[in-house]
N, C-alpha and C. Protein backbone atom coordinates (compact mmCIF):
# COMPACT_ATOMS: atom_id res chain seq x y z
N GLN A 1 -19.06 -9.29 8.15
CA GLN A 1 -18.07 -10.08 6.81
C GLN A 1 -17.13 -9.41 6.69
N VAL A 2 -16.34 -9.85 6.34
CA VAL A 2 -14.93 -9.25 5.16
C VAL A 2 -14.78 -9.51 3.58
N GLN A 3 -14.64 -8.40 3.41
CA GLN A 3 -14.27 -7.89 2.28
C GLN A 3 -13.32 -8.37 1.89
N LEU A 4 -12.33 -8.76 0.95
CA LEU A 4 -11.02 -8.59 0.70
C LEU A 4 -10.28 -8.57 -0.81
N VAL A 5 -9.66 -7.90 -1.34
CA VAL A 5 -9.06 -7.32 -2.46
C VAL A 5 -7.53 -7.51 -2.76
N GLU A 6 -7.91 -8.89 -3.89
CA GLU A 6 -5.77 -8.66 -4.20
C GLU A 6 -5.22 -7.40 -5.00
N SER A 7 -3.85 -8.02 -4.96
CA SER A 7 -3.95 -7.13 -6.24
C SER A 7 -1.72 -7.08 -6.27
N GLY A 8 -1.44 -6.99 -7.08
CA GLY A 8 -0.09 -6.34 -6.91
C GLY A 8 0.55 -7.99 -8.31
N GLY A 9 -0.49 -9.18 -8.94
CA GLY A 9 0.22 -10.02 -9.31
C GLY A 9 -0.24 -8.92 -11.16
N GLY A 10 1.16 -10.56 -11.48
CA GLY A 10 1.37 -9.58 -12.82
C GLY A 10 2.59 -11.13 -13.70
N LEU A 11 3.13 -10.62 -15.01
CA LEU A 11 3.78 -10.93 -15.54
C LEU A 11 4.93 -11.22 -14.97
N VAL A 12 5.45 -12.48 -15.10
CA VAL A 12 7.75 -11.77 -14.37
C VAL A 12 8.32 -13.01 -14.58
N GLN A 13 9.47 -12.41 -15.15
CA GLN A 13 10.15 -13.27 -15.01
C GLN A 13 10.73 -14.46 -14.24
N ALA A 14 11.14 -15.52 -14.87
CA ALA A 14 11.52 -17.28 -13.60
C ALA A 14 12.79 -15.85 -12.69
N GLY A 15 13.01 -16.45 -11.40
CA GLY A 15 14.05 -15.37 -11.09
C GLY A 15 13.53 -14.40 -9.86
N GLY A 16 12.34 -13.59 -10.80
CA GLY A 16 12.09 -12.71 -10.48
C GLY A 16 10.95 -12.03 -8.90
N SER A 17 10.60 -11.12 -8.47
CA SER A 17 10.11 -11.00 -7.44
C SER A 17 8.68 -10.35 -7.35
N LEU A 18 7.78 -10.39 -7.08
CA LEU A 18 6.35 -9.93 -6.80
C LEU A 18 6.25 -9.31 -5.81
N ARG A 19 4.99 -8.48 -5.46
CA ARG A 19 4.59 -8.91 -3.54
C ARG A 19 3.30 -8.02 -4.32
N LEU A 20 2.55 -9.30 -3.04
CA LEU A 20 0.96 -9.57 -3.45
C LEU A 20 1.01 -8.52 -2.01
N SER A 21 -1.01 -7.86 -2.91
CA SER A 21 -1.23 -7.20 -1.54
C SER A 21 -2.74 -8.06 -1.00
N CYS A 22 -3.45 -7.37 0.03
CA CYS A 22 -4.50 -8.29 0.66
C CYS A 22 -5.08 -7.48 1.20
N ALA A 23 -6.13 -5.72 0.89
CA ALA A 23 -6.77 -5.11 1.57
C ALA A 23 -8.14 -5.92 1.66
N ALA A 24 -8.67 -5.21 3.30
CA ALA A 24 -9.10 -6.70 4.17
C ALA A 24 -10.58 -5.09 4.56
N SER A 25 -11.83 -4.77 3.98
CA SER A 25 -12.77 -3.62 4.95
C SER A 25 -14.37 -5.39 5.43
N GLY A 26 -14.51 -3.98 6.40
CA GLY A 26 -15.61 -4.33 7.19
C GLY A 26 -15.58 -4.69 8.28
N ARG A 27 -15.90 -6.33 8.93
CA ARG A 27 -15.55 -6.13 10.35
C ARG A 27 -13.98 -6.94 10.87
N THR A 28 -13.37 -5.95 10.14
CA THR A 28 -12.43 -5.73 10.29
C THR A 28 -11.71 -6.24 11.78
N SER A 29 -12.20 -5.83 13.11
CA SER A 29 -12.07 -5.41 14.20
C SER A 29 -12.04 -6.77 15.10
N SER A 30 -12.33 -7.86 13.89
CA SER A 30 -12.15 -8.85 14.83
C SER A 30 -10.97 -9.45 14.83
N SER A 31 -11.25 -11.03 14.94
CA SER A 31 -8.98 -11.27 14.95
C SER A 31 -9.24 -12.15 13.79
N TYR A 32 -8.66 -12.67 13.37
CA TYR A 32 -8.30 -13.04 11.88
C TYR A 32 -7.43 -13.99 11.24
N ALA A 33 -7.04 -14.86 11.35
CA ALA A 33 -5.98 -15.16 11.02
C ALA A 33 -5.85 -15.56 9.17
N MET A 34 -4.65 -14.99 9.10
CA MET A 34 -4.66 -14.71 6.91
C MET A 34 -4.17 -15.41 6.07
N GLY A 35 -4.63 -16.05 5.09
CA GLY A 35 -3.96 -17.23 4.67
C GLY A 35 -3.91 -17.18 2.82
N TRP A 36 -2.73 -17.01 2.17
CA TRP A 36 -2.61 -17.22 0.66
C TRP A 36 -2.48 -18.68 -0.16
N PHE A 37 -3.53 -18.26 -1.11
CA PHE A 37 -3.97 -20.13 -1.04
C PHE A 37 -3.23 -20.32 -3.42
N ARG A 38 -2.33 -20.43 -3.90
CA ARG A 38 -2.62 -20.16 -5.08
C ARG A 38 -3.85 -21.89 -5.63
N GLN A 39 -3.41 -20.53 -6.96
CA GLN A 39 -4.39 -22.72 -8.15
C GLN A 39 -3.62 -21.82 -10.13
N ALA A 40 -3.60 -23.73 -9.90
CA ALA A 40 -3.44 -23.26 -11.71
C ALA A 40 -3.69 -23.78 -12.08
N PRO A 41 -3.79 -23.37 -13.41
CA PRO A 41 -4.81 -24.33 -13.76
C PRO A 41 -5.23 -25.97 -14.28
N GLY A 42 -5.39 -26.25 -14.16
CA GLY A 42 -6.38 -27.77 -13.72
C GLY A 42 -5.57 -28.44 -12.53
N LYS A 43 -5.41 -28.38 -12.08
CA LYS A 43 -5.74 -27.91 -10.40
C LYS A 43 -6.17 -27.44 -9.55
N GLU A 44 -6.21 -28.51 -7.99
CA GLU A 44 -6.38 -28.16 -7.08
C GLU A 44 -5.71 -27.11 -6.36
N ARG A 45 -7.11 -25.90 -5.48
CA ARG A 45 -6.46 -25.21 -5.20
C ARG A 45 -5.51 -25.49 -3.96
N GLU A 46 -4.53 -24.87 -3.58
CA GLU A 46 -3.13 -25.43 -2.58
C GLU A 46 -2.82 -23.85 -1.68
N PHE A 47 -2.45 -25.42 -0.63
CA PHE A 47 -1.85 -24.13 0.58
C PHE A 47 -0.63 -23.48 -0.10
N VAL A 48 -0.72 -21.81 0.42
CA VAL A 48 1.24 -21.07 0.30
C VAL A 48 1.59 -20.95 1.75
N ALA A 49 0.64 -19.79 2.70
CA ALA A 49 1.68 -19.48 2.88
C ALA A 49 -0.38 -19.06 4.59
N THR A 50 0.36 -18.48 5.67
CA THR A 50 -0.58 -17.86 6.94
C THR A 50 0.09 -17.75 7.48
N VAL A 51 -0.50 -16.68 8.44
CA VAL A 51 -0.79 -15.24 9.16
C VAL A 51 -0.98 -15.52 10.46
N SER A 52 -0.82 -15.44 11.53
CA SER A 52 -1.54 -14.94 12.80
C SER A 52 -2.27 -13.53 12.92
N TRP A 53 -3.58 -13.13 13.11
CA TRP A 53 -3.66 -12.18 13.55
C TRP A 53 -2.81 -11.12 14.79
N ARG A 54 -2.02 -11.43 15.53
CA ARG A 54 -1.47 -10.75 16.37
C ARG A 54 0.19 -11.77 15.92
N GLY A 55 0.89 -11.75 17.08
CA GLY A 55 2.13 -11.95 16.96
C GLY A 55 3.45 -12.54 15.71
N GLY A 56 2.74 -12.32 14.50
CA GLY A 56 3.33 -12.73 13.19
C GLY A 56 3.83 -13.99 13.04
N ASN A 57 3.05 -14.65 13.67
CA ASN A 57 3.30 -16.05 13.71
C ASN A 57 3.04 -16.34 12.61
N THR A 58 3.64 -17.05 11.24
CA THR A 58 3.73 -17.61 9.91
C THR A 58 3.59 -18.79 9.64
N TYR A 59 3.28 -19.03 9.24
CA TYR A 59 3.38 -20.95 8.09
C TYR A 59 3.23 -20.89 6.65
N TYR A 60 4.64 -21.67 6.25
CA TYR A 60 4.81 -22.31 4.83
C TYR A 60 4.64 -23.32 4.85
N ALA A 61 4.50 -23.45 3.15
CA ALA A 61 3.99 -25.64 2.49
C ALA A 61 5.39 -25.60 1.87
N ASP A 62 5.38 -26.14 2.63
CA ASP A 62 7.69 -26.14 1.62
C ASP A 62 7.89 -25.98 0.46
N SER A 63 6.74 -25.87 -0.68
CA SER A 63 7.40 -24.91 -1.97
C SER A 63 7.56 -24.15 -2.03
N VAL A 64 7.18 -23.06 -1.19
CA VAL A 64 7.41 -21.75 -1.41
C VAL A 64 8.53 -21.36 -0.27
N LYS A 65 9.12 -22.00 0.91
CA LYS A 65 8.84 -21.73 2.26
C LYS A 65 10.91 -21.21 2.11
N GLY A 66 11.25 -20.23 2.24
CA GLY A 66 12.59 -19.42 1.89
C GLY A 66 12.09 -18.61 0.82
N ARG A 67 11.63 -18.72 0.18
CA ARG A 67 11.68 -17.83 -1.28
C ARG A 67 10.27 -16.81 -0.50
N PHE A 68 9.20 -17.51 -0.02
CA PHE A 68 8.74 -16.35 0.07
C PHE A 68 7.74 -15.95 1.46
N THR A 69 6.94 -14.78 1.18
CA THR A 69 7.60 -14.13 2.75
C THR A 69 5.90 -13.37 2.76
N ILE A 70 4.88 -13.89 4.14
CA ILE A 70 3.94 -14.11 4.37
C ILE A 70 4.03 -12.24 5.69
N SER A 71 3.45 -11.49 5.90
CA SER A 71 3.45 -10.12 6.92
C SER A 71 1.78 -9.57 6.94
N ARG A 72 1.89 -9.30 7.86
CA ARG A 72 -0.44 -8.03 8.19
C ARG A 72 1.14 -6.91 8.47
N ASP A 73 -0.44 -5.69 8.39
CA ASP A 73 0.13 -4.15 9.46
C ASP A 73 -1.43 -4.61 9.35
N ASN A 74 -1.73 -4.70 10.39
CA ASN A 74 -3.45 -4.69 10.87
C ASN A 74 -3.28 -2.98 10.81
N ALA A 75 -2.84 -2.08 11.46
CA ALA A 75 -3.34 -0.30 11.10
C ALA A 75 -3.57 -0.35 9.76
N LYS A 76 -3.58 -0.84 8.33
CA LYS A 76 -3.85 -0.93 7.12
C LYS A 76 -4.35 -1.84 6.88
N ASN A 77 -4.51 -3.11 7.50
CA ASN A 77 -5.92 -4.44 7.00
C ASN A 77 -5.41 -4.56 6.40
N THR A 78 -3.77 -4.61 6.35
CA THR A 78 -3.40 -5.95 5.16
C THR A 78 -2.27 -6.33 4.67
N VAL A 79 -2.78 -7.55 4.27
CA VAL A 79 -1.83 -9.06 4.23
C VAL A 79 -0.24 -8.94 2.87
N TYR A 80 0.01 -8.78 3.31
CA TYR A 80 1.31 -8.95 1.92
C TYR A 80 1.72 -10.29 1.83
N LEU A 81 2.20 -10.07 0.74
CA LEU A 81 2.66 -11.77 0.29
C LEU A 81 3.90 -11.70 -1.07
N GLN A 82 5.10 -11.75 -0.28
CA GLN A 82 6.45 -11.64 -1.03
C GLN A 82 6.73 -12.60 -1.10
N MET A 83 7.11 -12.40 -2.79
CA MET A 83 7.68 -13.12 -3.41
C MET A 83 9.08 -13.47 -4.37
N ASN A 84 9.75 -13.93 -3.44
CA ASN A 84 11.16 -13.72 -4.50
C ASN A 84 11.29 -14.99 -5.10
N SER A 85 12.73 -15.34 -5.89
CA SER A 85 12.56 -16.14 -6.31
C SER A 85 12.08 -17.02 -7.28
N LEU A 86 10.77 -16.38 -8.09
CA LEU A 86 9.07 -17.00 -8.74
C LEU A 86 10.99 -18.93 -9.84
N LYS A 87 9.82 -18.84 -9.67
CA LYS A 87 9.98 -19.97 -10.66
C LYS A 87 8.85 -20.18 -11.53
N SER A 88 8.30 -20.97 -12.58
CA SER A 88 7.54 -21.27 -13.85
C SER A 88 6.90 -22.13 -12.58
N GLU A 89 6.40 -22.70 -11.23
CA GLU A 89 5.51 -23.68 -11.49
C GLU A 89 4.97 -22.80 -9.97
N ASP A 90 5.25 -21.58 -9.54
CA ASP A 90 4.48 -20.43 -8.88
C ASP A 90 3.50 -19.68 -9.87
N THR A 91 3.26 -20.38 -11.16
CA THR A 91 2.53 -18.88 -11.37
C THR A 91 0.49 -20.20 -11.49
N ALA A 92 -0.15 -19.33 -10.77
CA ALA A 92 -1.44 -19.65 -10.42
C ALA A 92 -1.56 -18.37 -10.26
N VAL A 93 -3.38 -18.61 -9.93
CA VAL A 93 -4.25 -16.91 -9.24
C VAL A 93 -3.81 -17.07 -7.69
N TYR A 94 -3.68 -16.89 -7.23
CA TYR A 94 -3.14 -16.53 -5.82
C TYR A 94 -3.59 -15.56 -5.17
N TYR A 95 -5.07 -15.81 -4.02
CA TYR A 95 -5.63 -15.74 -3.57
C TYR A 95 -6.17 -15.54 -1.88
N CYS A 96 -6.64 -14.62 -1.40
CA CYS A 96 -6.16 -14.17 0.23
C CYS A 96 -7.67 -14.89 0.89
N ALA A 97 -6.95 -14.84 1.89
CA ALA A 97 -8.48 -15.27 3.02
C ALA A 97 -8.31 -15.48 4.73
N ALA A 98 -9.36 -14.98 4.97
CA ALA A 98 -9.70 -15.17 6.95
C ALA A 98 -10.08 -15.83 6.94
N ALA A 99 -9.78 -16.50 8.66
CA ALA A 99 -10.20 -16.91 9.35
C ALA A 99 -9.93 -16.49 10.71
N TYR A 100 -11.47 -16.64 10.85
CA TYR A 100 -11.70 -16.06 12.58
C TYR A 100 -10.61 -17.74 13.28
N ARG A 101 -9.80 -16.43 14.31
CA ARG A 101 -8.78 -17.15 14.57
C ARG A 101 -8.83 -16.22 16.06
N LEU A 102 -7.94 -17.12 17.26
CA LEU A 102 -7.62 -16.67 18.16
C LEU A 102 -5.94 -16.11 17.76
N GLY A 103 -6.17 -14.64 18.83
CA GLY A 103 -4.44 -13.69 18.19
C GLY A 103 -3.38 -14.02 18.43
N TYR A 104 -2.32 -15.79 18.42
CA TYR A 104 -1.54 -15.88 18.22
C TYR A 104 -2.01 -17.43 16.84
N SER A 105 -3.21 -17.05 16.80
CA SER A 105 -2.90 -18.24 16.15
C SER A 105 -2.81 -18.01 14.71
N THR A 106 -1.87 -19.71 13.69
CA THR A 106 -2.20 -19.37 12.54
C THR A 106 -3.02 -19.57 11.66
N GLY A 107 -3.33 -19.38 10.49
CA GLY A 107 -4.64 -19.58 9.84
C GLY A 107 -4.84 -21.59 9.84
N PRO A 108 -5.42 -22.61 9.31
CA PRO A 108 -5.78 -23.33 8.88
C PRO A 108 -5.49 -23.69 7.60
N THR A 109 -4.20 -24.90 6.86
CA THR A 109 -3.73 -25.49 5.80
C THR A 109 -4.66 -25.27 5.03
N ASP A 110 -6.25 -26.32 4.83
CA ASP A 110 -7.38 -26.27 4.25
C ASP A 110 -7.93 -25.38 4.32
N GLY A 111 -7.80 -24.90 3.30
CA GLY A 111 -8.97 -23.86 2.80
C GLY A 111 -10.32 -23.69 2.38
N SER A 112 -10.96 -25.04 2.46
CA SER A 112 -12.09 -24.92 2.99
C SER A 112 -12.93 -24.78 5.03
N LEU A 113 -11.70 -25.04 5.41
CA LEU A 113 -11.50 -23.73 6.28
C LEU A 113 -11.58 -21.89 6.30
N TYR A 114 -11.50 -21.45 5.57
CA TYR A 114 -11.54 -20.21 6.28
C TYR A 114 -13.46 -19.63 5.47
N ASP A 115 -13.40 -18.01 5.76
CA ASP A 115 -14.56 -18.06 5.88
C ASP A 115 -14.77 -16.85 4.77
N TYR A 116 -13.26 -15.68 4.44
CA TYR A 116 -13.98 -15.36 3.38
C TYR A 116 -12.65 -15.38 2.38
N TRP A 117 -12.85 -15.59 1.82
CA TRP A 117 -11.86 -15.49 0.23
C TRP A 117 -11.92 -13.73 -0.51
N GLY A 118 -10.91 -13.37 -1.36
CA GLY A 118 -10.79 -12.15 -2.45
C GLY A 118 -11.05 -13.23 -3.62
N GLN A 119 -10.66 -12.17 -4.63
CA GLN A 119 -11.09 -12.32 -5.93
C GLN A 119 -9.93 -12.83 -6.63
N GLY A 120 -8.51 -13.26 -6.38
CA GLY A 120 -8.28 -13.74 -6.86
C GLY A 120 -6.93 -13.02 -7.82
N THR A 121 -5.93 -12.75 -8.17
CA THR A 121 -4.83 -12.37 -8.56
C THR A 121 -3.54 -12.29 -9.42
N GLN A 122 -3.82 -12.57 -10.83
CA GLN A 122 -3.54 -14.18 -11.87
C GLN A 122 -1.97 -14.11 -11.21
N VAL A 123 -0.48 -14.65 -11.11
CA VAL A 123 0.35 -14.63 -11.11
C VAL A 123 1.08 -15.32 -12.56
N THR A 124 1.79 -15.06 -13.43
CA THR A 124 2.58 -15.45 -14.02
C THR A 124 4.33 -15.93 -14.21
N VAL A 125 4.53 -16.44 -14.80
CA VAL A 125 6.37 -16.37 -14.09
C VAL A 125 6.51 -17.24 -15.50
N SER A 126 7.25 -15.99 -16.03
CA SER A 126 8.24 -16.69 -17.63
C SER A 126 9.45 -17.62 -17.45
N SER A 127 9.12 -19.05 -17.89
CA SER A 127 10.60 -19.13 -17.90
C SER A 127 11.69 -18.84 -18.86
């Protein structure tokens, strides 16, 4: 079992920045790709970004490419999502998730294929 806890959400003005963190505990010795997803009110959950367990390979949704950066520190069992140039449409609850994947593989964009989820952190961008 892996437990994931997100933090770092909050209220920010459009154009501002936030950094989300996702701390993992439990069976963290296994090889997990990590992903960030978000869900806005009345909308379906959508993929944001993913990073491989090794090698720092990343993949982003087109809507955040060039503005968001996903990274991880395996020594700290933590994944980050640096969000810059935030827009009102980025307002959502952000979730991190873990998927069993060998070393250099990024995670899937389909959230149903992830094995563990955090409880989410709210990000609100005011225009």
